[in-house]
Amino acid sequence: MPSARELGVGHELIDAEHRVIVRWVGELRERVDAGDAAATAAALAGLWDATVGHFASEEAIMEEFAYPERRAHAGAHQLFLGDLKELISELSERGLAEDVAAWAKVRVPEWITFHIETNDAPLARFVQRRTAERLARVIRGEPAPAQKPRDA
């Protein structure tokens, strides 16, 4: 998995939360490599908590900035959480079976990397543009635009 620095998207909060997630993925890999199912479960629980919190942060940012791709992006979050929940269940039921270990060591980091590069980076660029536009209006003394109604 690339380092958190390599996966930086240029948004302070998102990048900070990605660093936490990358640390949990490293912890997960170490626990799987050690063959310790209980410690692997604890690492998955930590990854779950960090991911749920991160997704909530991103979804709040997407709402605040009326990000046009927010539904698809949030849908990707739900798919990953479903996959992670299934991994936790499989680990509980089958222990560190070879396919469960591979899932934890390969599929999870690949998904996170893919998601950051294809979903989070465009979100960060969008937020940066909108923030720059807002600042430019303030500098010019223009009133803030009316808020767009949020999608249901």
C-alpha atoms as a PDB file:
ATOM      1  CA  MET A   1       0.000   0.000   0.000  1.00  0.00           C
ATOM      2  CA  PRO A   2       1.350   3.474  -0.772  1.00  0.00           C
ATOM      3  CA  SER A   3       2.254   5.615   2.216  1.00  0.00           C
ATOM      4  CA  ALA A   4      -0.208   8.127   3.633  1.00  0.00           C
ATOM      5  CA  ARG A   5       2.015  10.869   2.217  1.00  0.00           C
ATOM      6  CA  GLU A   6       1.792   9.383  -1.270  1.00  0.00           C
ATOM      7  CA  LEU A   7      -1.986   9.193  -0.873  1.00  0.00           C
ATOM      8  CA  GLY A   8      -2.310  12.819   0.229  1.00  0.00           C
ATOM      9  CA  VAL A   9      -5.170  14.689  -1.421  1.00  0.00           C
ATOM     10  CA  GLY A  10      -4.396  18.189  -0.160  1.00  0.00           C
ATOM     11  CA  HIS A  11      -7.198  18.507   2.387  1.00  0.00           C
ATOM     12  CA  GLU A  12      -5.910  18.702   5.960  1.00  0.00           C
ATOM     13  CA  LEU A  13      -8.700  16.776   7.703  1.00  0.00           C
ATOM     14  CA  ILE A  14      -9.057  14.115   5.019  1.00  0.00           C
ATOM     15  CA  ASP A  15      -5.293  13.568   4.872  1.00  0.00           C
ATOM     16  CA  ALA A  16      -5.036  13.336   8.674  1.00  0.00           C
ATOM     17  CA  GLU A  17      -7.783  10.732   8.768  1.00  0.00           C
ATOM     18  CA  HIS A  18      -6.164   8.813   5.910  1.00  0.00           C
ATOM     19  CA  ARG A  19      -2.940   8.658   7.938  1.00  0.00           C
ATOM     20  CA  VAL A  20      -4.856   6.997  10.778  1.00  0.00           C
ATOM     21  CA  ILE A  21      -6.461   4.519   8.383  1.00  0.00           C
ATOM     22  CA  VAL A  22      -3.096   3.698   6.788  1.00  0.00           C
ATOM     23  CA  ARG A  23      -1.664   3.028  10.261  1.00  0.00           C
ATOM     24  CA  TRP A  24      -4.544   0.630  10.989  1.00  0.00           C
ATOM     25  CA  VAL A  25      -3.946  -1.144   7.676  1.00  0.00           C
ATOM     26  CA  GLY A  26      -0.285  -1.563   8.651  1.00  0.00           C
ATOM     27  CA  GLU A  27      -1.339  -2.898  12.036  1.00  0.00           C
ATOM     28  CA  LEU A  28      -3.744  -5.286  10.330  1.00  0.00           C
ATOM     29  CA  ARG A  29      -0.991  -6.607   8.071  1.00  0.00           C
ATOM     30  CA  GLU A  30       1.361  -7.127  11.019  1.00  0.00           C
ATOM     31  CA  ARG A  31      -1.269  -9.035  12.995  1.00  0.00           C
ATOM     32  CA  VAL A  32      -2.167 -11.243  10.031  1.00  0.00           C
ATOM     33  CA  ASP A  33       1.536 -11.938   9.389  1.00  0.00           C
ATOM     34  CA  ALA A  34       1.932 -12.895  13.048  1.00  0.00           C
ATOM     35  CA  GLY A  35      -0.929 -15.360  12.681  1.00  0.00           C
ATOM     36  CA  ASP A  36      -2.754 -13.839  15.643  1.00  0.00           C
ATOM     37  CA  ALA A  37      -6.503 -13.997  14.943  1.00  0.00           C
ATOM     38  CA  ALA A  38      -7.477 -12.128  18.129  1.00  0.00           C
ATOM     39  CA  ALA A  39      -5.054  -9.276  17.423  1.00  0.00           C
ATOM     40  CA  THR A  40      -6.198  -9.257  13.797  1.00  0.00           C
ATOM     41  CA  ALA A  41      -9.792  -8.855  14.997  1.00  0.00           C
ATOM     42  CA  ALA A  42      -8.701  -5.965  17.230  1.00  0.00           C
ATOM     43  CA  ALA A  43      -6.914  -4.310  14.287  1.00  0.00           C
ATOM     44  CA  LEU A  44     -10.021  -4.740  12.136  1.00  0.00           C
ATOM     45  CA  ALA A  45     -12.115  -3.153  14.888  1.00  0.00           C
ATOM     46  CA  GLY A  46      -9.733  -0.186  14.964  1.00  0.00           C
ATOM     47  CA  LEU A  47      -9.838   0.077  11.181  1.00  0.00           C
ATOM     48  CA  TRP A  48     -13.646  -0.093  11.281  1.00  0.00           C
ATOM     49  CA  ASP A  49     -13.891   2.737  13.816  1.00  0.00           C
ATOM     50  CA  ALA A  50     -11.397   4.938  11.977  1.00  0.00           C
ATOM     51  CA  THR A  51     -13.123   4.285   8.651  1.00  0.00           C
ATOM     52  CA  VAL A  52     -16.640   4.958   9.926  1.00  0.00           C
ATOM     53  CA  GLY A  53     -15.482   8.233  11.464  1.00  0.00           C
ATOM     54  CA  HIS A  54     -13.618   9.200   8.316  1.00  0.00           C
ATOM     55  CA  PHE A  55     -16.559   8.465   6.065  1.00  0.00           C
ATOM     56  CA  ALA A  56     -18.797  10.586   8.294  1.00  0.00           C
ATOM     57  CA  SER A  57     -16.313  13.469   7.977  1.00  0.00           C
ATOM     58  CA  GLU A  58     -16.176  13.157   4.209  1.00  0.00           C
ATOM     59  CA  GLU A  59     -19.934  12.962   3.901  1.00  0.00           C
ATOM     60  CA  ALA A  60     -20.316  16.118   6.008  1.00  0.00           C
ATOM     61  CA  ILE A  61     -17.797  17.892   3.755  1.00  0.00           C
ATOM     62  CA  MET A  62     -19.656  16.710   0.663  1.00  0.00           C
ATOM     63  CA  GLU A  63     -22.929  18.066   2.061  1.00  0.00           C
ATOM     64  CA  GLU A  64     -21.391  21.368   3.120  1.00  0.00           C
ATOM     65  CA  PHE A  65     -19.967  21.983  -0.340  1.00  0.00           C
ATOM     66  CA  ALA A  66     -22.902  20.430  -2.252  1.00  0.00           C
ATOM     67  CA  TYR A  67     -20.483  18.063  -3.961  1.00  0.00           C
ATOM     68  CA  PRO A  68     -22.226  16.826  -7.103  1.00  0.00           C
ATOM     69  CA  GLU A  69     -20.832  13.279  -6.771  1.00  0.00           C
ATOM     70  CA  ARG A  70     -21.769  12.887  -3.108  1.00  0.00           C
ATOM     71  CA  ARG A  71     -24.352  10.140  -3.586  1.00  0.00           C
ATOM     72  CA  ALA A  72     -22.017   7.938  -5.609  1.00  0.00           C
ATOM     73  CA  HIS A  73     -19.156   8.656  -3.222  1.00  0.00           C
ATOM     74  CA  ALA A  74     -21.279   7.835  -0.166  1.00  0.00           C
ATOM     75  CA  GLY A  75     -22.457   4.696  -1.955  1.00  0.00           C
ATOM     76  CA  ALA A  76     -18.836   3.605  -2.317  1.00  0.00           C
ATOM     77  CA  HIS A  77     -18.431   4.126   1.416  1.00  0.00           C
ATOM     78  CA  GLN A  78     -21.369   1.847   2.125  1.00  0.00           C
ATOM     79  CA  LEU A  79     -20.022  -0.844  -0.195  1.00  0.00           C
ATOM     80  CA  PHE A  80     -16.662  -0.805   1.557  1.00  0.00           C
ATOM     81  CA  LEU A  81     -18.231  -0.938   5.011  1.00  0.00           C
ATOM     82  CA  GLY A  82     -20.300  -3.931   3.895  1.00  0.00           C
ATOM     83  CA  ASP A  83     -17.143  -5.623   2.627  1.00  0.00           C
ATOM     84  CA  LEU A  84     -15.252  -4.829   5.827  1.00  0.00           C
ATOM     85  CA  LYS A  85     -18.151  -6.121   7.937  1.00  0.00           C
ATOM     86  CA  GLU A  86     -18.098  -9.356   5.931  1.00  0.00           C
ATOM     87  CA  LEU A  87     -14.336  -9.677   6.498  1.00  0.00           C
ATOM     88  CA  ILE A  88     -14.837  -9.243  10.241  1.00  0.00           C
ATOM     89  CA  SER A  89     -17.530 -11.922  10.159  1.00  0.00           C
ATOM     90  CA  GLU A  90     -15.382 -14.324   8.124  1.00  0.00           C
ATOM     91  CA  LEU A  91     -12.463 -13.855  10.504  1.00  0.00           C
ATOM     92  CA  SER A  92     -14.754 -14.582  13.439  1.00  0.00           C
ATOM     93  CA  GLU A  93     -16.188 -17.707  11.814  1.00  0.00           C
ATOM     94  CA  ARG A  94     -13.122 -19.138  10.061  1.00  0.00           C
ATOM     95  CA  GLY A  95     -10.112 -17.589  11.735  1.00  0.00           C
ATOM     96  CA  LEU A  96      -7.100 -16.640   9.667  1.00  0.00           C
ATOM     97  CA  ALA A  97      -7.877 -18.960   6.773  1.00  0.00           C
ATOM     98  CA  GLU A  98      -5.697 -18.286   3.740  1.00  0.00           C
ATOM     99  CA  ASP A  99      -8.407 -16.421   1.820  1.00  0.00           C
ATOM    100  CA  VAL A 100      -9.357 -14.370   4.887  1.00  0.00           C
ATOM    101  CA  ALA A 101      -5.713 -13.397   5.423  1.00  0.00           C
ATOM    102  CA  ALA A 102      -5.332 -12.467   1.742  1.00  0.00           C
ATOM    103  CA  TRP A 103      -8.519 -10.410   1.924  1.00  0.00           C
ATOM    104  CA  ALA A 104      -7.132  -8.454   4.881  1.00  0.00           C
ATOM    105  CA  LYS A 105      -3.650  -8.007   3.416  1.00  0.00           C
ATOM    106  CA  VAL A 106      -4.480  -7.377  -0.243  1.00  0.00           C
ATOM    107  CA  ARG A 107      -8.096  -6.479  -0.915  1.00  0.00           C
ATOM    108  CA  VAL A 108      -8.516  -3.984   1.954  1.00  0.00           C
ATOM    109  CA  PRO A 109      -5.397  -1.914   1.103  1.00  0.00           C
ATOM    110  CA  GLU A 110      -6.184  -2.042  -2.613  1.00  0.00           C
ATOM    111  CA  TRP A 111      -9.706  -0.772  -2.033  1.00  0.00           C
ATOM    112  CA  ILE A 112      -8.521   2.043   0.219  1.00  0.00           C
ATOM    113  CA  THR A 113      -5.865   3.110  -2.274  1.00  0.00           C
ATOM    114  CA  PHE A 114      -8.329   2.983  -5.164  1.00  0.00           C
ATOM    115  CA  HIS A 115     -10.949   4.938  -3.234  1.00  0.00           C
ATOM    116  CA  ILE A 116      -8.538   7.674  -2.203  1.00  0.00           C
ATOM    117  CA  GLU A 117      -7.199   8.081  -5.732  1.00  0.00           C
ATOM    118  CA  THR A 118     -10.529   7.931  -7.572  1.00  0.00           C
ATOM    119  CA  ASN A 119     -13.021   9.391  -5.072  1.00  0.00           C
ATOM    120  CA  ASP A 120     -11.250  11.393  -2.398  1.00  0.00           C
ATOM    121  CA  ALA A 121      -8.741  13.241  -4.592  1.00  0.00           C
ATOM    122  CA  PRO A 122     -11.491  14.678  -6.839  1.00  0.00           C
ATOM    123  CA  LEU A 123     -13.499  15.627  -3.736  1.00  0.00           C
ATOM    124  CA  ALA A 124     -10.513  17.482  -2.289  1.00  0.00           C
ATOM    125  CA  ARG A 125      -9.919  19.332  -5.570  1.00  0.00           C
ATOM    126  CA  PHE A 126     -13.590  20.334  -5.684  1.00  0.00           C
ATOM    127  CA  VAL A 127     -13.485  21.626  -2.099  1.00  0.00           C
ATOM    128  CA  GLN A 128     -10.282  23.568  -2.823  1.00  0.00           C
ATOM    129  CA  ARG A 129     -11.901  25.239  -5.852  1.00  0.00           C
ATOM    130  CA  ARG A 130     -15.065  26.111  -3.915  1.00  0.00           C
ATOM    131  CA  THR A 131     -13.053  27.458  -0.999  1.00  0.00           C
ATOM    132  CA  ALA A 132     -10.974  29.622  -3.353  1.00  0.00           C
ATOM    133  CA  GLU A 133     -14.173  30.905  -4.974  1.00  0.00           C
ATOM    134  CA  ARG A 134     -15.629  31.777  -1.564  1.00  0.00           C
ATOM    135  CA  LEU A 135     -12.468  33.611  -0.541  1.00  0.00           C
ATOM    136  CA  ALA A 136     -12.368  35.531  -3.803  1.00  0.00           C
ATOM    137  CA  ARG A 137     -15.954  36.721  -3.241  1.00  0.00           C
ATOM    138  CA  VAL A 138     -15.096  37.863   0.288  1.00  0.00           C
ATOM    139  CA  ILE A 139     -12.021  39.725  -0.957  1.00  0.00           C
ATOM    140  CA  ARG A 140     -14.109  41.440  -3.621  1.00  0.00           C
ATOM    141  CA  GLY A 141     -16.741  42.324  -1.008  1.00  0.00           C
ATOM    142  CA  GLU A 142     -19.438  40.348  -2.762  1.00  0.00           C
ATOM    143  CA  PRO A 143     -22.271  38.798  -0.785  1.00  0.00           C
ATOM    144  CA  ALA A 144     -22.245  35.083  -0.239  1.00  0.00           C
ATOM    145  CA  PRO A 145     -24.428  33.224  -2.732  1.00  0.00           C
ATOM    146  CA  ALA A 146     -27.717  31.811  -1.543  1.00  0.00           C
ATOM    147  CA  GLN A 147     -27.420  28.262  -0.305  1.00  0.00           C
ATOM    148  CA  LYS A 148     -28.640  25.661  -2.754  1.00  0.00           C
ATOM    149  CA  PRO A 149     -31.280  23.339  -1.372  1.00  0.00           C
ATOM    150  CA  ARG A 150     -29.785  20.028  -0.341  1.00  0.00           C
ATOM    151  CA  ASP A 151     -30.836  16.849  -2.038  1.00  0.00           C
ATOM    152  CA  ALA A 152     -33.040  14.568   0.021  1.00  0.00           C
END
